[in-house]
């Protein structure tokens, strides 16, 4: 399942960011809502093809599309994605975001000024689909 969100994760969620907790909260809320509604749309489309239940154990691959070429740290980008990860669970695509239910796969960085800013979320089932 591929989901595209026309935002990048908030800089305020970087482990290196120093600022007000309220600014961090607001930025996370905006990004979380954007990911949530994109995930709900993808979930509803998948329900048309017979995949209404959440993934039991999913692999999450992330691609971040930036407008400028700079040095970027994949670990910090993964940490910045935490509101998006919570939104995936809230939208009902994955049972939980713990290590038992979600595997973080590749974190890729692309530079494309025409498509940026963009977050591409790819989810696929690891093992048997919807195994209870």
N, C-alpha and C. Protein backbone atom coordinates (compact mmCIF):
# COMPACT_ATOMS: atom_id res chain seq x y z
N UNK A 1 0.86 -1.17 0.00
CA UNK A 1 0.00 0.00 0.00
C UNK A 1 0.91 1.23 0.00
N UNK A 2 0.65 2.13 -0.93
CA UNK A 2 1.47 3.35 -1.06
C UNK A 2 0.61 4.55 -0.72
N UNK A 3 1.14 5.40 0.15
CA UNK A 3 0.43 6.60 0.60
C UNK A 3 1.37 7.79 0.40
N UNK A 4 0.86 8.85 -0.22
CA UNK A 4 1.65 10.06 -0.42
C UNK A 4 1.05 11.20 0.39
N UNK A 5 1.91 11.90 1.12
CA UNK A 5 1.51 13.04 1.94
C UNK A 5 2.30 14.24 1.44
N UNK A 6 1.62 15.32 1.14
CA UNK A 6 2.28 16.48 0.54
C UNK A 6 2.93 17.40 1.57
N UNK A 7 3.53 16.79 2.58
CA UNK A 7 4.28 17.53 3.60
C UNK A 7 5.47 16.67 4.02
N UNK A 8 6.44 17.34 4.61
CA UNK A 8 7.55 16.63 5.23
C UNK A 8 7.32 16.62 6.73
N UNK A 9 7.91 15.64 7.43
CA UNK A 9 7.73 15.62 8.89
C UNK A 9 8.24 16.91 9.52
N UNK A 10 7.64 17.32 10.62
CA UNK A 10 8.01 18.59 11.24
C UNK A 10 9.44 18.58 11.78
N UNK A 11 10.14 19.67 11.53
CA UNK A 11 11.50 19.83 12.05
C UNK A 11 11.51 19.83 13.57
N UNK A 12 10.41 20.25 14.17
CA UNK A 12 10.31 20.32 15.63
C UNK A 12 10.43 18.95 16.29
N UNK A 13 10.22 17.88 15.55
CA UNK A 13 10.35 16.53 16.10
C UNK A 13 11.74 15.95 15.95
N UNK A 14 12.66 16.72 15.43
CA UNK A 14 14.04 16.28 15.34
C UNK A 14 14.63 16.20 16.75
N UNK A 15 15.42 15.18 17.04
CA UNK A 15 16.05 15.10 18.36
C UNK A 15 16.97 16.29 18.66
N UNK A 16 17.43 16.99 17.62
CA UNK A 16 18.33 18.12 17.80
C UNK A 16 17.61 19.45 17.99
N UNK A 17 16.29 19.45 17.87
CA UNK A 17 15.54 20.70 17.96
C UNK A 17 15.41 21.14 19.41
N UNK A 18 15.57 22.43 19.64
CA UNK A 18 15.39 23.00 20.97
C UNK A 18 14.38 24.12 20.85
N UNK A 19 13.28 23.98 21.52
CA UNK A 19 12.25 25.01 21.45
C UNK A 19 11.12 24.68 22.40
N UNK A 20 10.05 25.38 22.25
CA UNK A 20 8.89 25.25 23.12
C UNK A 20 8.17 23.94 22.85
N UNK A 21 7.71 23.30 23.90
CA UNK A 21 6.94 22.06 23.76
C UNK A 21 5.64 22.32 22.99
N UNK A 22 5.10 23.52 23.14
CA UNK A 22 3.84 23.83 22.47
C UNK A 22 4.04 23.95 20.96
N UNK A 23 5.14 24.55 20.55
CA UNK A 23 5.45 24.62 19.11
C UNK A 23 5.62 23.22 18.53
N UNK A 24 6.29 22.37 19.29
CA UNK A 24 6.47 20.97 18.86
C UNK A 24 5.12 20.27 18.74
N UNK A 25 4.27 20.46 19.72
CA UNK A 25 2.95 19.83 19.74
C UNK A 25 2.11 20.27 18.53
N UNK A 26 2.09 21.57 18.27
CA UNK A 26 1.28 22.08 17.16
C UNK A 26 1.79 21.58 15.81
N UNK A 27 3.09 21.59 15.63
CA UNK A 27 3.66 21.11 14.36
C UNK A 27 3.37 19.62 14.18
N UNK A 28 3.47 18.86 15.25
CA UNK A 28 3.17 17.43 15.19
C UNK A 28 1.72 17.17 14.88
N UNK A 29 0.84 17.99 15.42
CA UNK A 29 -0.59 17.82 15.19
C UNK A 29 -0.96 18.08 13.73
N UNK A 30 -0.37 19.09 13.13
CA UNK A 30 -0.63 19.40 11.73
C UNK A 30 -0.18 18.24 10.84
N UNK A 31 1.03 17.74 11.09
CA UNK A 31 1.55 16.63 10.28
C UNK A 31 0.76 15.35 10.53
N UNK A 32 0.42 15.08 11.77
CA UNK A 32 -0.34 13.88 12.12
C UNK A 32 -1.69 13.88 11.39
N UNK A 33 -2.36 15.02 11.38
CA UNK A 33 -3.65 15.10 10.68
C UNK A 33 -3.50 14.88 9.19
N UNK A 34 -2.45 15.43 8.59
CA UNK A 34 -2.23 15.24 7.15
C UNK A 34 -2.01 13.76 6.82
N UNK A 35 -1.20 13.09 7.64
CA UNK A 35 -0.94 11.66 7.41
C UNK A 35 -2.20 10.85 7.70
N UNK A 36 -2.91 11.20 8.75
CA UNK A 36 -4.12 10.47 9.13
C UNK A 36 -5.14 10.46 8.00
N UNK A 37 -5.44 11.62 7.44
CA UNK A 37 -6.45 11.69 6.38
C UNK A 37 -5.99 11.00 5.09
N UNK A 38 -4.70 11.05 4.81
CA UNK A 38 -4.18 10.32 3.65
C UNK A 38 -4.29 8.81 3.88
N UNK A 39 -4.05 8.36 5.11
CA UNK A 39 -4.15 6.94 5.44
C UNK A 39 -5.60 6.46 5.42
N UNK A 40 -6.52 7.30 5.89
CA UNK A 40 -7.94 6.92 5.86
C UNK A 40 -8.40 6.76 4.42
N UNK A 41 -7.95 7.64 3.54
CA UNK A 41 -8.30 7.52 2.13
C UNK A 41 -7.75 6.22 1.54
N UNK A 42 -6.50 5.90 1.88
CA UNK A 42 -5.89 4.66 1.37
C UNK A 42 -6.59 3.44 1.96
N UNK A 43 -6.96 3.50 3.22
CA UNK A 43 -7.68 2.39 3.86
C UNK A 43 -9.03 2.16 3.19
N UNK A 44 -9.75 3.24 2.90
CA UNK A 44 -11.04 3.11 2.24
C UNK A 44 -10.92 2.56 0.82
N UNK A 45 -9.86 2.97 0.11
CA UNK A 45 -9.62 2.40 -1.23
C UNK A 45 -9.30 0.91 -1.13
N UNK A 46 -8.51 0.53 -0.13
CA UNK A 46 -8.15 -0.88 0.06
C UNK A 46 -9.36 -1.71 0.43
N UNK A 47 -10.30 -1.12 1.15
CA UNK A 47 -11.51 -1.85 1.55
C UNK A 47 -12.33 -2.26 0.33
N UNK A 48 -12.23 -1.49 -0.73
CA UNK A 48 -12.94 -1.85 -1.96
C UNK A 48 -12.41 -3.14 -2.57
N UNK A 49 -11.13 -3.44 -2.29
CA UNK A 49 -10.50 -4.63 -2.86
C UNK A 49 -10.37 -5.76 -1.84
N UNK A 50 -11.07 -5.65 -0.71
CA UNK A 50 -11.11 -6.75 0.25
C UNK A 50 -10.04 -6.75 1.31
N UNK A 51 -9.46 -5.62 1.63
CA UNK A 51 -8.46 -5.55 2.68
C UNK A 51 -8.91 -4.60 3.79
N UNK A 52 -10.01 -4.88 4.45
CA UNK A 52 -10.53 -3.93 5.43
C UNK A 52 -9.83 -3.97 6.79
N UNK A 53 -9.16 -5.08 7.11
CA UNK A 53 -8.54 -5.21 8.44
C UNK A 53 -7.15 -4.59 8.44
N UNK A 54 -6.69 -4.18 9.61
CA UNK A 54 -5.33 -3.62 9.68
C UNK A 54 -4.28 -4.71 9.49
N UNK A 55 -3.10 -4.30 9.08
CA UNK A 55 -1.99 -5.23 8.97
C UNK A 55 -1.64 -5.72 10.38
N UNK A 56 -1.39 -7.01 10.51
CA UNK A 56 -0.99 -7.55 11.79
C UNK A 56 0.48 -7.23 12.06
N UNK A 57 1.32 -7.50 11.08
CA UNK A 57 2.74 -7.15 11.17
C UNK A 57 3.13 -6.53 9.85
N UNK A 58 3.45 -5.26 9.88
CA UNK A 58 3.71 -4.53 8.64
C UNK A 58 5.15 -4.05 8.57
N UNK A 59 5.62 -3.92 7.35
CA UNK A 59 6.92 -3.31 7.08
C UNK A 59 6.65 -1.92 6.54
N UNK A 60 7.31 -0.93 7.13
CA UNK A 60 7.13 0.47 6.77
C UNK A 60 8.39 0.98 6.09
N UNK A 61 8.25 1.39 4.83
CA UNK A 61 9.34 2.02 4.09
C UNK A 61 8.96 3.47 3.86
N UNK A 62 9.91 4.36 4.11
CA UNK A 62 9.65 5.79 3.99
C UNK A 62 10.56 6.40 2.93
N UNK A 63 10.02 7.32 2.16
CA UNK A 63 10.80 8.11 1.21
C UNK A 63 10.43 9.57 1.43
N UNK A 64 11.43 10.39 1.68
CA UNK A 64 11.24 11.82 1.88
C UNK A 64 11.80 12.55 0.67
N UNK A 65 10.97 13.37 0.05
CA UNK A 65 11.37 14.11 -1.15
C UNK A 65 11.57 15.57 -0.76
N UNK A 66 12.80 16.04 -0.92
CA UNK A 66 13.18 17.41 -0.56
C UNK A 66 13.43 18.24 -1.81
N UNK A 67 13.25 19.57 -1.71
CA UNK A 67 13.50 20.41 -2.87
C UNK A 67 14.98 20.71 -3.11
N UNK A 68 15.81 20.63 -2.08
CA UNK A 68 17.22 21.00 -2.18
C UNK A 68 18.12 19.85 -1.75
N UNK A 69 19.27 19.77 -2.41
CA UNK A 69 20.25 18.76 -2.03
C UNK A 69 21.09 19.30 -0.86
N UNK A 70 20.99 18.58 0.26
CA UNK A 70 21.77 18.90 1.46
C UNK A 70 22.11 17.61 2.16
N UNK A 71 22.99 17.70 3.12
CA UNK A 71 23.26 16.53 3.95
C UNK A 71 22.07 16.32 4.88
N UNK A 72 21.58 15.11 4.95
CA UNK A 72 20.45 14.79 5.82
C UNK A 72 20.74 13.48 6.55
N UNK A 73 20.25 13.41 7.76
CA UNK A 73 20.49 12.25 8.61
C UNK A 73 19.23 11.38 8.62
N UNK A 74 19.36 10.14 8.19
CA UNK A 74 18.20 9.24 8.12
C UNK A 74 17.59 8.97 9.49
N UNK A 75 18.43 8.86 10.51
CA UNK A 75 17.91 8.60 11.86
C UNK A 75 17.05 9.76 12.35
N UNK A 76 17.47 10.98 12.09
CA UNK A 76 16.68 12.13 12.50
C UNK A 76 15.37 12.20 11.72
N UNK A 77 15.41 11.86 10.44
CA UNK A 77 14.17 11.85 9.65
C UNK A 77 13.19 10.80 10.18
N UNK A 78 13.72 9.66 10.57
CA UNK A 78 12.85 8.63 11.14
C UNK A 78 12.23 9.09 12.45
N UNK A 79 13.00 9.79 13.27
CA UNK A 79 12.47 10.33 14.53
C UNK A 79 11.43 11.41 14.26
N UNK A 80 11.67 12.23 13.25
CA UNK A 80 10.70 13.28 12.89
C UNK A 80 9.38 12.70 12.39
N UNK A 81 9.39 11.46 11.94
CA UNK A 81 8.18 10.84 11.41
C UNK A 81 7.26 10.29 12.51
N UNK A 82 7.61 10.40 13.77
CA UNK A 82 6.80 9.82 14.86
C UNK A 82 5.33 10.24 14.82
N UNK A 83 4.96 11.51 14.59
CA UNK A 83 3.53 11.83 14.49
C UNK A 83 2.85 11.10 13.33
N UNK A 84 3.57 10.90 12.25
CA UNK A 84 3.02 10.16 11.12
C UNK A 84 2.82 8.69 11.45
N UNK A 85 3.75 8.14 12.19
CA UNK A 85 3.64 6.75 12.61
C UNK A 85 2.43 6.55 13.52
N UNK A 86 2.19 7.48 14.42
CA UNK A 86 1.01 7.43 15.28
C UNK A 86 -0.27 7.56 14.46
N UNK A 87 -0.23 8.36 13.40
CA UNK A 87 -1.41 8.55 12.54
C UNK A 87 -1.74 7.28 11.77
N UNK A 88 -0.73 6.52 11.37
CA UNK A 88 -0.96 5.27 10.67
C UNK A 88 -1.73 4.30 11.56
N UNK A 89 -1.37 4.26 12.83
CA UNK A 89 -2.08 3.40 13.78
C UNK A 89 -3.49 3.94 14.03
N UNK A 90 -3.62 5.24 14.21
CA UNK A 90 -4.94 5.84 14.47
C UNK A 90 -5.89 5.65 13.29
N UNK A 91 -5.36 5.60 12.08
CA UNK A 91 -6.19 5.41 10.90
C UNK A 91 -6.62 3.95 10.72
N UNK A 92 -6.03 3.06 11.50
CA UNK A 92 -6.43 1.66 11.45
C UNK A 92 -5.72 0.84 10.39
N UNK A 93 -4.56 1.29 9.92
CA UNK A 93 -3.82 0.50 8.93
C UNK A 93 -2.94 -0.54 9.59
N UNK A 94 -2.45 -0.25 10.79
CA UNK A 94 -1.56 -1.15 11.54
C UNK A 94 -2.13 -1.27 12.95
N UNK A 95 -2.02 -2.46 13.52
CA UNK A 95 -2.57 -2.68 14.87
C UNK A 95 -1.91 -1.80 15.92
N UNK A 96 -0.59 -1.71 15.88
CA UNK A 96 0.15 -0.92 16.87
C UNK A 96 1.50 -0.57 16.25
N UNK A 97 2.20 0.41 16.84
CA UNK A 97 3.50 0.78 16.28
C UNK A 97 4.66 0.25 17.11
N UNK A 98 4.43 -0.82 17.88
CA UNK A 98 5.52 -1.43 18.62
C UNK A 98 6.30 -2.38 17.70
N UNK A 99 7.39 -2.93 18.21
CA UNK A 99 8.26 -3.76 17.37
C UNK A 99 7.61 -5.07 16.97
N UNK A 100 6.59 -5.49 17.67
CA UNK A 100 5.89 -6.72 17.33
C UNK A 100 4.99 -6.55 16.10
N UNK A 101 4.50 -5.34 15.88
CA UNK A 101 3.54 -5.12 14.79
C UNK A 101 4.07 -4.26 13.65
N UNK A 102 5.16 -3.54 13.86
CA UNK A 102 5.66 -2.63 12.82
C UNK A 102 7.18 -2.72 12.72
N UNK A 103 7.65 -3.00 11.52
CA UNK A 103 9.08 -3.05 11.24
C UNK A 103 9.42 -1.84 10.38
N UNK A 104 10.38 -1.05 10.83
CA UNK A 104 10.83 0.09 10.04
C UNK A 104 11.85 -0.43 9.03
N UNK A 105 11.52 -0.29 7.77
CA UNK A 105 12.40 -0.78 6.71
C UNK A 105 13.35 0.32 6.25
N UNK A 106 13.31 0.61 4.97
CA UNK A 106 14.20 1.60 4.38
C UNK A 106 13.70 3.01 4.62
N UNK A 107 14.64 3.91 4.86
CA UNK A 107 14.35 5.34 4.93
C UNK A 107 15.17 5.98 3.81
N UNK A 108 14.48 6.39 2.76
CA UNK A 108 15.15 6.93 1.57
C UNK A 108 14.96 8.43 1.48
N UNK A 109 15.94 9.06 0.85
CA UNK A 109 15.90 10.51 0.63
C UNK A 109 16.06 10.76 -0.86
N UNK A 110 15.14 11.55 -1.40
CA UNK A 110 15.21 11.95 -2.81
C UNK A 110 15.20 13.46 -2.91
N UNK A 111 15.78 13.97 -3.97
CA UNK A 111 15.76 15.40 -4.24
C UNK A 111 15.05 15.61 -5.57
N UNK A 112 13.91 16.30 -5.50
CA UNK A 112 13.13 16.59 -6.70
C UNK A 112 12.32 17.86 -6.44
N UNK A 113 12.81 19.01 -6.91
CA UNK A 113 12.11 20.27 -6.63
C UNK A 113 10.68 20.32 -7.15
N UNK A 114 10.36 19.54 -8.17
CA UNK A 114 9.00 19.58 -8.72
C UNK A 114 7.99 18.85 -7.84
N UNK A 115 8.40 17.78 -7.17
CA UNK A 115 7.48 17.00 -6.33
C UNK A 115 7.54 17.40 -4.86
N UNK A 116 8.61 18.02 -4.43
CA UNK A 116 8.81 18.34 -3.00
C UNK A 116 7.87 19.43 -2.55
N UNK A 117 7.51 19.48 -1.30
CA UNK A 117 7.79 18.53 -0.23
C UNK A 117 6.82 17.35 -0.29
N UNK A 118 7.33 16.16 -0.03
CA UNK A 118 6.51 14.96 -0.14
C UNK A 118 7.06 13.87 0.76
N UNK A 119 6.16 13.16 1.42
CA UNK A 119 6.49 11.96 2.18
C UNK A 119 5.76 10.80 1.53
N UNK A 120 6.50 9.76 1.17
CA UNK A 120 5.90 8.57 0.58
C UNK A 120 6.01 7.45 1.60
N UNK A 121 4.85 6.90 1.97
CA UNK A 121 4.76 5.85 2.97
C UNK A 121 4.37 4.57 2.23
N UNK A 122 5.15 3.52 2.40
CA UNK A 122 4.83 2.24 1.79
C UNK A 122 4.70 1.20 2.89
N UNK A 123 3.53 0.57 2.94
CA UNK A 123 3.24 -0.48 3.92
C UNK A 123 3.00 -1.79 3.20
N UNK A 124 3.59 -2.85 3.72
CA UNK A 124 3.29 -4.17 3.19
C UNK A 124 3.32 -5.16 4.35
N UNK A 125 2.51 -6.20 4.22
CA UNK A 125 2.38 -7.20 5.27
C UNK A 125 3.61 -8.09 5.29
N UNK A 126 4.11 -8.33 6.49
CA UNK A 126 5.19 -9.29 6.70
C UNK A 126 4.54 -10.57 7.19
N UNK A 127 4.66 -11.65 6.46
CA UNK A 127 4.06 -12.92 6.87
C UNK A 127 2.62 -13.03 6.39
N UNK A 128 1.79 -13.73 7.17
CA UNK A 128 0.39 -13.97 6.79
C UNK A 128 -0.44 -12.74 7.04
N UNK A 129 -1.23 -12.33 6.04
CA UNK A 129 -2.07 -11.14 6.14
C UNK A 129 -3.24 -11.40 7.09
N UNK A 130 -3.46 -10.45 8.01
CA UNK A 130 -4.59 -10.47 8.95
C UNK A 130 -4.62 -11.70 9.84
N UNK A 131 -3.47 -12.27 10.12
CA UNK A 131 -3.42 -13.40 11.03
C UNK A 131 -3.74 -12.92 12.43
N UNK A 132 -4.67 -13.52 13.06
CA UNK A 132 -5.10 -13.10 14.39
C UNK A 132 -4.28 -13.77 15.45
